[in-house]
Amino acid sequence: MSRVPLLLLLVPMLAFASPAFAQDREVPYWASIRATELNMRVGPSADYKIAWVYRRKGLPVKVLRIMEGWRLIEDPDGSRGWVVSRLLTPDRAAIVIGEGEGAILADPETGGAVKWRVEPGVVGTLGDCDEGWCEFAVGNRAGYIEQARLWGAGEP
């Protein structure tokens, strides 16, 4: 079989790969909650008791272990449990941590112009992080925040 027909066969298959397939990678890694409601269980099966119900789409989580279609996650509070992999997304998110409001700056530098402020617990989309600063967006507002103020922005 020549390479061209083989490529024509593989490309459509890759286009329809499931989100769970994208999460079959080396652990630990960051992910976020895809669903508006997600059950965290005490074991890797729907037969196990529900330990917690998340109702916060976009919340960042750390994936610690993979078992078939399940992921052992850790949430920002340190709670651990098992969730169905298809209800997670590899899209990066972060949650503001620490005391008091965090400043969202126009540029990634100390003393820069403050665009707006966020309180601890605010969840947003995480962009690139460099030299202690991260791009962070909440809705249609974006800027830079110190990496230390974000859970989900460091090494997993």
Protein backbone atom coordinates (compact mmCIF):
# COMPACT_ATOMS: atom_id res chain seq x y z
CA MET A 1 0.00 0.00 0.00
CA SER A 2 1.45 3.37 -0.93
CA ARG A 3 1.77 6.16 1.61
CA VAL A 4 -0.77 8.48 -0.01
CA PRO A 5 -3.82 6.16 0.42
CA LEU A 6 -2.66 5.34 3.95
CA LEU A 7 -2.50 9.05 4.81
CA LEU A 8 -5.93 9.61 3.28
CA LEU A 9 -7.25 6.92 5.61
CA LEU A 10 -5.50 8.18 8.76
CA VAL A 11 -6.28 11.90 8.48
CA PRO A 12 -10.09 11.50 8.84
CA MET A 13 -9.58 9.11 11.75
CA LEU A 14 -7.44 11.65 13.59
CA ALA A 15 -9.97 14.41 12.93
CA PHE A 16 -12.60 12.47 14.86
CA ALA A 17 -10.38 11.39 17.75
CA SER A 18 -12.16 11.73 21.08
CA PRO A 19 -11.17 14.24 23.78
CA ALA A 20 -10.27 11.29 26.01
CA PHE A 21 -7.70 10.20 23.43
CA ALA A 22 -6.01 13.61 23.70
CA GLN A 23 -5.69 13.01 27.45
CA ASP A 24 -3.87 9.68 27.16
CA ARG A 25 -0.48 11.12 27.96
CA GLU A 26 2.15 11.10 30.65
CA VAL A 27 0.93 12.07 34.12
CA PRO A 28 0.76 14.36 35.92
CA TYR A 29 -0.77 16.97 33.61
CA TRP A 30 -3.24 19.85 33.82
CA ALA A 31 -6.79 19.68 32.48
CA SER A 32 -10.06 21.44 33.16
CA ILE A 33 -13.67 20.40 33.65
CA ARG A 34 -15.60 20.25 30.37
CA ALA A 35 -19.05 19.55 31.85
CA THR A 36 -21.42 21.78 33.79
CA GLU A 37 -21.77 18.93 36.29
CA LEU A 38 -19.12 16.30 37.08
CA ASN A 39 -19.23 13.51 39.65
CA MET A 40 -15.98 12.74 41.45
CA ARG A 41 -16.02 9.16 42.70
CA VAL A 42 -13.98 7.25 45.28
CA GLY A 43 -12.90 4.71 42.64
CA PRO A 44 -12.52 4.38 38.86
CA SER A 45 -16.02 3.15 37.99
CA ALA A 46 -19.62 4.35 38.01
CA ASP A 47 -20.18 1.63 40.64
CA TYR A 48 -18.20 3.61 43.21
CA LYS A 49 -19.79 6.13 45.57
CA ILE A 50 -19.88 9.80 44.53
CA ALA A 51 -17.57 11.78 46.80
CA TRP A 52 -18.16 15.24 45.31
CA VAL A 53 -20.16 16.92 42.55
CA TYR A 54 -18.47 19.75 40.65
CA ARG A 55 -20.71 22.38 39.12
CA ARG A 56 -18.02 24.68 37.77
CA LYS A 57 -17.23 24.26 34.10
CA GLY A 58 -13.65 25.31 33.36
CA LEU A 59 -12.27 24.55 36.82
CA PRO A 60 -8.62 23.47 36.54
CA VAL A 61 -7.63 20.04 37.83
CA LYS A 62 -4.41 18.07 37.99
CA VAL A 63 -4.59 14.59 36.46
CA LEU A 64 -2.50 12.23 38.61
CA ARG A 65 -3.33 8.80 37.24
CA ILE A 66 -5.00 7.19 34.22
CA MET A 67 -7.08 4.02 34.33
CA GLU A 68 -9.00 3.09 31.17
CA GLY A 69 -11.69 5.80 30.73
CA TRP A 70 -11.11 7.29 34.20
CA ARG A 71 -8.76 9.92 35.61
CA LEU A 72 -7.62 10.38 39.20
CA ILE A 73 -7.67 14.13 39.68
CA GLU A 74 -6.73 16.64 42.33
CA ASP A 75 -8.72 19.88 42.59
CA PRO A 76 -7.51 23.30 43.81
CA ASP A 77 -8.49 22.42 47.40
CA GLY A 78 -6.39 19.24 47.32
CA SER A 79 -9.33 16.82 47.14
CA ARG A 80 -8.65 13.71 45.08
CA GLY A 81 -11.00 11.34 43.31
CA TRP A 82 -11.89 9.64 40.05
CA VAL A 83 -13.77 11.23 37.14
CA VAL A 84 -14.80 10.07 33.67
CA SER A 85 -12.15 11.26 31.22
CA ARG A 86 -14.60 12.45 28.55
CA LEU A 87 -15.84 15.15 30.95
CA LEU A 88 -12.38 16.73 31.11
CA THR A 89 -10.68 18.84 28.48
CA PRO A 90 -6.96 19.41 27.93
CA ASP A 91 -7.69 23.16 27.62
CA ARG A 92 -5.65 25.03 30.21
CA ALA A 93 -7.40 27.03 32.91
CA ALA A 94 -6.33 28.47 36.26
CA ILE A 95 -7.93 29.71 39.46
CA VAL A 96 -6.79 32.77 41.40
CA ILE A 97 -5.35 31.87 44.81
CA GLY A 98 -3.81 33.74 47.71
CA GLU A 99 -4.98 36.58 49.92
CA GLY A 100 -6.70 39.69 48.64
CA GLU A 101 -7.33 40.79 45.10
CA GLY A 102 -4.90 40.00 42.30
CA ALA A 103 -3.95 42.68 39.82
CA ILE A 104 -4.41 41.99 36.12
CA LEU A 105 -1.82 44.10 34.34
CA ALA A 106 -1.53 45.40 30.80
CA ASP A 107 2.05 44.12 30.53
CA PRO A 108 3.93 41.31 32.28
CA GLU A 109 6.04 43.45 34.59
CA THR A 110 5.97 44.57 38.21
CA GLY A 111 4.58 48.09 38.54
CA GLY A 112 2.72 47.94 35.24
CA ALA A 113 -0.65 49.53 34.60
CA VAL A 114 -3.49 47.71 36.36
CA LYS A 115 -6.31 46.87 33.94
CA TRP A 116 -8.61 45.26 36.53
CA ARG A 117 -8.55 43.13 39.67
CA VAL A 118 -9.66 39.58 40.47
CA GLU A 119 -10.59 37.96 43.74
CA PRO A 120 -9.37 34.55 44.89
CA GLY A 121 -11.58 31.85 43.39
CA VAL A 122 -11.97 33.48 39.98
CA VAL A 123 -11.47 30.92 37.19
CA GLY A 124 -10.13 31.91 33.80
CA THR A 125 -8.42 30.73 30.65
CA LEU A 126 -4.67 30.37 30.95
CA GLY A 127 -2.37 31.53 28.19
CA ASP A 128 1.42 31.38 28.09
CA CYS A 129 3.49 31.81 31.24
CA ASP A 130 6.97 33.30 31.16
CA GLU A 131 9.33 34.62 33.83
CA GLY A 132 6.73 34.47 36.59
CA TRP A 133 3.86 36.06 34.63
CA CYS A 134 0.90 34.42 32.89
CA GLU A 135 -1.63 35.54 30.34
CA PHE A 136 -5.03 35.18 31.99
CA ALA A 137 -8.49 35.82 30.53
CA VAL A 138 -11.89 35.90 32.16
CA GLY A 139 -14.65 36.27 29.61
CA ASN A 140 -13.59 38.95 27.15
CA ARG A 141 -11.12 40.61 29.57
CA ALA A 142 -7.47 39.62 29.48
CA GLY A 143 -4.12 40.67 30.86
CA TYR A 144 -1.19 39.38 32.89
CA ILE A 145 -1.07 38.15 36.48
CA GLU A 146 1.76 36.84 38.62
CA GLN A 147 2.10 33.08 38.14
CA ALA A 148 2.28 32.56 41.91
CA ARG A 149 -1.32 33.84 42.19
CA LEU A 150 -2.65 31.04 39.96
CA TRP A 151 -3.33 27.37 40.73
CA GLY A 152 -2.99 25.43 37.50
CA ALA A 153 -0.21 27.55 36.03
CA GLY A 154 2.86 25.79 37.40
CA GLU A 155 4.42 22.44 36.75
CA PRO A 156 1.86 19.71 37.39
